[in-house]
Protein backbone atom coordinates (compact mmCIF):
# COMPACT_ATOMS: atom_id res chain seq x y z
CA MET A 1 15.06 26.31 0.07
CA LYS A 2 12.52 29.05 0.59
CA ASP A 3 14.16 31.45 -1.25
CA ILE A 4 14.37 29.04 -4.48
CA ILE A 5 10.48 28.67 -3.77
CA ASP A 6 9.57 32.04 -3.22
CA ARG A 7 11.68 32.77 -6.24
CA LEU A 8 9.89 29.96 -8.35
CA ALA A 9 6.65 31.06 -7.10
CA GLY A 10 7.60 35.27 -8.20
CA LYS A 11 9.62 34.73 -11.39
CA HIS A 12 8.04 31.35 -12.51
CA ASP A 13 11.62 30.14 -13.01
CA LEU A 14 14.97 28.57 -11.90
CA THR A 15 18.35 27.68 -13.00
CA ASP A 16 18.26 24.34 -14.33
CA GLU A 17 20.70 23.48 -10.67
CA GLU A 18 18.03 24.86 -8.56
CA PHE A 19 15.22 23.27 -10.01
CA GLU A 20 17.52 19.89 -9.39
CA ARG A 21 17.88 20.90 -5.64
CA LEU A 22 14.15 21.46 -5.18
CA ILE A 23 13.32 18.31 -7.04
CA LEU A 24 15.89 16.35 -4.78
CA CYS A 25 15.28 18.45 -1.40
CA ASP A 26 13.61 15.95 1.21
CA GLU A 27 13.92 18.53 3.60
CA PRO A 28 9.75 18.31 5.34
CA GLU A 29 10.00 22.04 6.12
CA ALA A 30 10.79 22.92 2.89
CA ASN A 31 8.30 20.53 0.93
CA ASP A 32 5.65 21.74 3.26
CA TYR A 33 6.21 25.50 2.41
CA LEU A 34 6.71 24.50 -1.24
CA THR A 35 2.50 22.70 -0.98
CA LYS A 36 1.83 25.70 0.85
CA LYS A 37 2.85 28.15 -1.90
CA ALA A 38 1.23 26.12 -4.70
CA ASP A 39 -1.84 25.85 -3.36
CA GLU A 40 -2.10 29.82 -2.64
CA ILE A 41 -1.14 30.32 -6.66
CA ARG A 42 -3.96 28.03 -7.77
CA GLN A 43 -5.78 29.88 -5.93
CA LYS A 44 -5.06 33.20 -6.75
CA VAL A 45 -6.52 32.45 -10.00
CA TYR A 46 -8.80 29.68 -9.80
CA GLY A 47 -10.16 29.63 -5.70
CA LYS A 48 -11.10 27.06 -4.38
CA ASP A 49 -13.17 25.89 -7.22
CA VAL A 50 -12.27 22.33 -8.78
CA TYR A 51 -13.81 21.35 -12.44
CA LEU A 52 -15.01 17.88 -13.62
CA ARG A 53 -13.64 16.00 -16.55
CA GLY A 54 -16.13 13.05 -17.58
CA LEU A 55 -13.88 10.87 -18.73
CA ILE A 56 -15.36 8.00 -21.19
CA GLU A 57 -12.65 5.54 -21.99
CA PHE A 58 -14.27 4.07 -25.44
CA THR A 59 -11.80 1.53 -26.39
CA ASN A 60 -8.57 -0.28 -25.23
CA TYR A 61 -7.76 -1.33 -28.66
CA CYS A 62 -4.26 -0.26 -29.63
CA LYS A 63 -2.08 -0.43 -32.57
CA ASN A 64 1.41 0.86 -30.53
CA ASN A 65 3.64 -1.50 -28.65
CA CYS A 66 4.71 0.73 -26.01
CA ARG A 67 6.63 -1.04 -23.64
CA TYR A 68 4.92 0.45 -19.98
CA CYS A 69 1.34 -0.48 -21.30
CA GLY A 70 -1.30 -2.72 -20.61
CA ILE A 71 -3.38 -2.14 -23.23
CA ARG A 72 0.26 -2.73 -25.85
CA CYS A 73 -0.81 -4.47 -29.23
CA ALA A 74 1.30 -7.27 -28.44
CA ASN A 75 -0.45 -8.16 -24.95
CA LYS A 76 -2.84 -10.98 -25.70
CA ASN A 77 -4.09 -11.37 -22.30
CA VAL A 78 -6.13 -8.01 -22.76
CA GLU A 79 -9.89 -8.53 -23.13
CA ARG A 80 -10.19 -5.57 -25.80
CA TYR A 81 -13.80 -4.20 -26.57
CA ARG A 82 -14.95 -1.27 -28.21
CA LEU A 83 -17.82 1.42 -27.31
CA SER A 84 -20.37 1.73 -29.93
CA LYS A 85 -21.25 5.06 -30.51
CA GLU A 86 -24.58 5.06 -28.94
CA ASP A 87 -22.77 4.14 -26.09
CA ILE A 88 -20.48 6.94 -26.22
CA LEU A 89 -23.47 9.54 -26.49
CA SER A 90 -25.13 7.37 -23.57
CA CYS A 91 -22.53 7.78 -21.11
CA CYS A 92 -22.54 11.88 -22.59
CA ASP A 93 -26.44 12.01 -21.91
CA MET A 94 -25.52 10.22 -18.43
CA GLY A 95 -23.33 12.16 -17.65
CA TYR A 96 -24.32 15.86 -17.98
CA ASP A 97 -27.75 14.74 -15.98
CA LEU A 98 -24.98 14.67 -13.19
CA GLY A 99 -23.16 17.84 -13.67
CA PHE A 100 -20.70 17.24 -16.13
CA ARG A 101 -19.71 19.58 -18.90
CA THR A 102 -16.83 18.33 -20.09
CA PHE A 103 -16.37 14.77 -21.64
CA VAL A 104 -13.16 13.08 -22.54
CA LEU A 105 -12.87 10.65 -24.80
CA GLN A 106 -10.06 8.74 -24.12
CA GLY A 107 -8.80 5.29 -25.95
CA GLY A 108 -5.89 3.46 -27.49
CA GLU A 109 -4.64 4.20 -31.22
CA ASP A 110 -7.58 1.77 -32.56
CA PRO A 111 -7.49 2.48 -36.54
CA TYR A 112 -11.39 1.78 -36.24
CA PHE A 113 -12.13 5.43 -35.13
CA ASN A 114 -10.99 6.90 -38.26
CA ASP A 115 -11.75 10.34 -38.85
CA ASP A 116 -14.95 9.59 -40.79
CA ARG A 117 -16.20 7.81 -37.01
CA LEU A 118 -14.84 10.34 -34.52
CA VAL A 119 -15.99 13.39 -36.77
CA SER A 120 -19.59 12.16 -36.47
CA ILE A 121 -19.42 10.88 -32.40
CA VAL A 122 -17.97 14.24 -32.11
CA ARG A 123 -20.41 16.48 -34.12
CA ASP A 124 -24.10 14.49 -32.27
CA ILE A 125 -22.40 15.02 -28.86
CA LYS A 126 -21.95 18.74 -29.80
CA LYS A 127 -25.27 19.20 -30.56
CA ASN A 128 -26.93 17.21 -27.97
CA HIS A 129 -24.78 19.15 -25.87
CA PRO A 130 -24.08 22.27 -27.10
CA ASP A 131 -22.21 24.03 -23.67
CA CYS A 132 -20.32 21.59 -23.18
CA ALA A 133 -16.49 21.25 -24.13
CA ILE A 134 -15.58 17.98 -25.86
CA THR A 135 -11.43 16.43 -25.12
CA LEU A 136 -10.08 13.84 -27.19
CA SER A 137 -7.00 11.71 -25.70
CA VAL A 138 -6.68 9.39 -28.96
CA GLY A 139 -3.33 9.54 -29.61
CA GLU A 140 -0.86 10.80 -32.46
CA ARG A 141 -2.65 11.35 -35.82
CA GLU A 142 -1.75 13.52 -38.66
CA ARG A 143 -2.58 17.02 -38.78
CA ASP A 144 -5.37 17.31 -41.19
CA SER A 145 -6.68 14.16 -38.88
CA TYR A 146 -6.54 16.39 -35.78
CA GLN A 147 -7.86 20.11 -38.27
CA ARG A 148 -11.28 17.62 -39.03
CA LEU A 149 -11.94 16.91 -35.47
CA PHE A 150 -11.42 20.16 -34.68
CA ASP A 151 -14.00 21.86 -37.22
CA ALA A 152 -16.29 18.81 -35.83
CA GLY A 153 -16.52 20.74 -32.79
CA ALA A 154 -13.82 18.97 -30.40
CA ASP A 155 -11.99 21.82 -28.39
CA ARG A 156 -9.35 19.93 -26.70
CA TYR A 157 -6.44 17.43 -27.06
CA LEU A 158 -4.54 15.80 -24.55
CA LEU A 159 -1.41 13.97 -25.49
CA ARG A 160 1.51 13.32 -23.22
CA HIS A 161 4.46 13.62 -23.89
CA GLU A 162 5.80 11.17 -21.34
CA THR A 163 9.28 12.43 -21.53
CA ALA A 164 11.40 15.82 -23.23
CA ASP A 165 13.86 13.36 -23.40
CA LYS A 166 14.69 12.07 -27.08
CA ALA A 167 16.69 8.61 -25.89
CA HIS A 168 14.32 7.96 -23.08
CA TYR A 169 11.38 8.20 -24.64
CA GLU A 170 13.12 5.32 -27.32
CA LEU A 171 13.56 3.70 -24.33
CA LEU A 172 9.42 3.68 -23.40
CA HIS A 173 8.29 3.04 -26.36
CA PRO A 174 9.13 0.49 -29.86
CA ALA A 175 11.82 1.42 -33.10
CA GLU A 176 8.29 2.42 -35.10
CA MET A 177 6.98 5.10 -32.49
CA SER A 178 9.49 8.58 -33.41
CA PHE A 179 9.77 11.22 -30.65
CA ASP A 180 9.99 13.77 -32.96
CA HIS A 181 6.52 13.06 -34.43
CA ARG A 182 4.78 13.48 -31.23
CA MET A 183 5.93 16.82 -30.41
CA GLN A 184 5.14 17.70 -33.51
CA CYS A 185 1.55 16.42 -33.25
CA LEU A 186 1.77 19.01 -29.83
CA LYS A 187 2.39 21.31 -32.18
CA ASP A 188 0.01 20.90 -34.78
CA LEU A 189 -2.83 20.93 -31.73
CA LYS A 190 -1.47 24.04 -30.46
CA GLU A 191 -1.36 25.86 -34.20
CA ILE A 192 -5.14 24.66 -34.92
CA GLY A 193 -6.32 26.08 -31.92
CA TYR A 194 -6.78 23.43 -29.36
CA GLN A 195 -7.26 23.45 -25.56
CA VAL A 196 -3.59 21.17 -25.73
CA GLY A 197 -2.60 19.10 -22.09
CA CYS A 198 0.59 17.42 -22.63
CA GLY A 199 2.85 15.76 -19.57
CA MET A 200 4.81 12.83 -18.34
CA MET A 201 5.31 9.68 -16.13
CA LEU A 202 7.37 10.30 -12.76
CA GLY A 203 9.76 7.59 -12.03
CA SER A 204 9.50 5.47 -14.82
CA PRO A 205 11.95 3.37 -16.01
CA GLY A 206 15.59 5.25 -16.84
CA GLN A 207 13.84 8.92 -15.95
CA THR A 208 16.57 10.60 -14.08
CA ILE A 209 16.31 14.24 -12.38
CA LYS A 210 17.99 15.55 -15.40
CA HIS A 211 14.82 14.17 -17.92
CA LEU A 212 12.44 15.83 -15.29
CA VAL A 213 14.35 18.74 -15.51
CA LYS A 214 14.10 18.35 -19.56
CA ASP A 215 10.10 17.91 -19.13
CA LEU A 216 10.16 21.55 -17.22
CA ARG A 217 11.80 23.12 -20.09
CA PHE A 218 10.03 21.98 -22.73
CA LEU A 219 6.57 22.72 -20.39
CA GLN A 220 7.86 26.42 -19.74
CA SER A 221 8.92 26.87 -23.77
CA PHE A 222 5.04 24.48 -25.18
CA LYS A 223 2.68 26.22 -22.60
CA PRO A 224 0.08 23.79 -22.45
CA HIS A 225 -3.02 24.51 -21.34
CA MET A 226 -3.37 21.27 -19.02
CA VAL A 227 -0.28 19.43 -17.71
CA GLY A 228 -1.13 15.50 -17.01
CA ILE A 229 1.36 13.98 -14.94
CA GLY A 230 1.09 11.23 -12.65
CA PRO A 231 3.05 8.14 -11.58
CA PHE A 232 4.36 5.18 -13.21
CA ILE A 233 2.83 2.05 -12.41
CA PRO A 234 4.34 -1.36 -13.79
CA HIS A 235 1.34 -3.65 -15.45
CA HIS A 236 2.09 -7.26 -14.93
CA ASP A 237 1.74 -8.01 -18.72
CA THR A 238 4.86 -5.73 -20.10
CA GLU A 239 8.60 -5.76 -20.05
CA TYR A 240 9.07 -3.23 -17.26
CA LYS A 241 5.98 -5.37 -14.81
CA ASP A 242 9.05 -5.38 -12.15
CA CYS A 243 10.17 -2.27 -11.87
CA SER A 244 9.63 0.09 -9.04
CA ALA A 245 6.64 2.57 -9.22
CA GLY A 246 7.11 6.02 -8.85
CA THR A 247 6.30 7.94 -5.40
CA VAL A 248 3.55 9.77 -4.24
CA GLU A 249 6.30 12.35 -2.57
CA MET A 250 7.78 12.95 -5.98
CA THR A 251 4.38 13.26 -7.98
CA LEU A 252 3.73 15.68 -5.25
CA LYS A 253 6.69 17.86 -5.59
CA LEU A 254 6.18 17.76 -9.49
CA LEU A 255 2.39 18.80 -9.34
CA SER A 256 3.38 21.90 -7.11
CA ILE A 257 6.14 22.98 -8.88
CA ILE A 258 4.60 23.28 -12.06
CA ARG A 259 1.30 25.35 -10.24
CA LEU A 260 4.55 27.71 -9.74
CA LEU A 261 6.31 27.45 -13.07
CA LEU A 262 2.52 28.07 -15.23
CA PRO A 263 0.12 29.48 -12.50
CA ASP A 264 -2.72 29.18 -14.74
CA VAL A 265 -2.42 25.75 -16.08
CA LEU A 266 -5.20 23.74 -15.32
CA LEU A 267 -3.55 20.68 -13.38
CA PRO A 268 -5.31 17.24 -12.93
CA ALA A 269 -5.31 14.74 -9.46
CA THR A 270 -5.06 11.53 -11.23
CA THR A 271 -6.13 8.71 -11.01
CA ALA A 272 -2.74 7.18 -11.14
CA LEU A 273 -1.90 9.20 -7.89
CA GLY A 274 -4.95 7.97 -5.75
CA THR A 275 -3.98 4.24 -7.07
CA ILE A 276 -0.82 4.38 -5.62
CA ASP A 277 -2.27 6.56 -1.98
CA PRO A 278 -6.08 6.13 -1.32
CA LEU A 279 -5.74 9.70 -0.55
CA GLY A 280 -3.85 10.81 -3.32
CA ARG A 281 -6.16 12.65 -5.25
CA GLU A 282 -6.76 14.89 -2.15
CA LYS A 283 -3.10 15.22 -1.81
CA GLY A 284 -2.96 16.09 -5.27
CA LEU A 285 -5.58 18.78 -4.95
CA GLN A 286 -4.02 20.57 -1.42
CA ALA A 287 -0.56 20.05 -3.69
CA GLY A 288 -1.90 22.54 -6.36
CA ALA A 289 -4.06 20.51 -8.65
CA ASN A 290 -7.25 21.54 -9.98
CA VAL A 291 -9.16 18.82 -11.68
CA VAL A 292 -10.55 15.58 -11.15
CA MET A 293 -11.59 12.94 -14.14
CA PRO A 294 -14.30 10.63 -12.88
CA ASN A 295 -15.38 7.70 -14.99
CA LEU A 296 -18.00 7.55 -16.98
CA SER A 297 -17.64 4.59 -18.63
CA PRO A 298 -19.81 1.83 -18.38
CA GLY A 299 -19.41 -0.46 -15.59
CA ASN A 300 -18.74 -3.80 -17.58
CA VAL A 301 -16.16 -2.10 -19.92
CA ARG A 302 -13.67 -0.03 -17.19
CA GLY A 303 -11.71 -3.63 -15.44
CA LYS A 304 -10.96 -3.92 -19.20
CA TYR A 305 -9.26 -0.71 -19.68
CA LEU A 306 -5.68 -0.95 -17.33
CA LEU A 307 -3.31 0.93 -18.09
CA TYR A 308 -1.23 -0.07 -15.27
CA ASP A 309 -2.20 -2.38 -12.34
CA ASN A 310 -4.64 -2.01 -9.42
CA LYS A 311 -6.48 0.65 -11.04
CA ILE A 312 -9.02 2.19 -8.84
CA CYS A 313 -12.76 2.60 -9.00
CA THR A 314 -13.54 0.10 -11.87
CA GLY A 315 -16.29 -1.40 -10.31
CA ASP A 316 -18.13 2.10 -9.76
CA GLU A 317 -21.43 3.50 -11.34
CA ALA A 318 -20.73 6.69 -12.71
CA ALA A 319 -23.11 8.35 -10.30
CA GLU A 320 -21.35 6.71 -7.15
CA CYS A 321 -18.10 8.28 -8.83
CA ILE A 322 -18.98 11.65 -8.83
CA ARG A 323 -20.99 11.40 -5.15
CA CYS A 324 -17.35 9.47 -4.23
CA MET A 325 -15.42 12.29 -6.29
CA THR A 326 -17.39 15.76 -4.66
CA ALA A 327 -17.16 13.92 -1.05
CA ARG A 328 -13.45 13.74 -1.38
CA VAL A 329 -12.66 17.03 -2.65
CA ALA A 330 -14.96 18.64 -0.10
CA LYS A 331 -12.84 16.82 2.41
CA ALA A 332 -9.90 18.35 0.84
CA GLY A 333 -10.89 21.99 1.25
CA TYR A 334 -12.59 22.89 -2.19
CA GLN A 335 -15.26 22.67 -4.29
CA VAL A 336 -16.63 20.71 -7.57
CA VAL A 337 -18.14 23.30 -9.94
CA GLN A 338 -20.40 22.64 -12.61
CA SER A 339 -18.72 24.27 -15.31
CA ARG A 340 -16.66 23.31 -18.50
CA GLY A 341 -13.43 24.79 -16.58
CA ASP A 342 -11.68 26.39 -19.26
CA HIS A 343 -7.90 27.40 -18.97
CA ILE A 344 -7.64 31.12 -17.52
CA ASP A 345 -4.55 33.32 -19.26
CA MET A 346 -3.73 35.27 -16.46
CA ILE A 347 -2.31 37.45 -18.48
CA GLU A 348 -4.35 38.15 -21.37
CA GLY A 349 -7.13 37.70 -19.54
CA ASN A 350 -8.92 35.20 -22.01
CA THR A 351 -10.58 31.37 -21.21
CA TYR A 352 -10.66 28.90 -23.82
């Protein structure tokens, strides 16, 4: 297995069969070696720096009915909320004072936040904090909408593809949602000029090893600037409530594989990983991740944005979140930096 890992680290590619062998490998020595090589690569590209993204979950309304999601429109048990523009700007002001230089506006696909409203919010954030990056994570929109938001000052866009297999996508989503449209959205975002993030759930219902290899091939061809992966965690108000969650081990392994496959990618250690393991985010950093996303949302709404059960940090205040995260990062052997944390292109020598 070490030969396979060395080849992935050196050439950033393997055969499909070799990817399958690596994913399925349960040899502790080989898995430790994979983690070590991934950490070496991330330190070669980014050093020990870990970038903060200030997460603002500004609406839990969603028009979609994804079968795995706790805020799906059919879930009548959710206490819905929307933050006002003033609330969002206040979160950014507070985050800026705490040292954040990237704000991530994340929400369900909420028709209330049309182009005019979102453009106004993006423009005002950029006006108030011109040295900061703005990341949007608000789902599928049409190309002209993405263009307007980009022109208003949005720098980055996160849209997880969830799975690169069409049949698997259709298992996880209702019939009115289109795999082809999701992929077209990602293509549009990249062509417009966004720094684009995609990613998948690990251990989602119906997922196979071949699906994961297909995901890796998609990442390899699409070349995203960021990859957000995390374990599937069931929510009690969905049809997948009794399914098993994804595992820490598989999530860490895929983080390391993706780091070796795409050495310069920005790779978060996610809240979901911290939810299934109290030290999950620290382990994620040691496996190749270099981004964390503390929550800047007001305390009174954090417990309402629940895509899955048992989400952590729903009761913390923002200042406490960043103190805790900074300490966790240091304990793992890295350092939080006050920076936009742009993607570094190793070949071109550019940042985005």
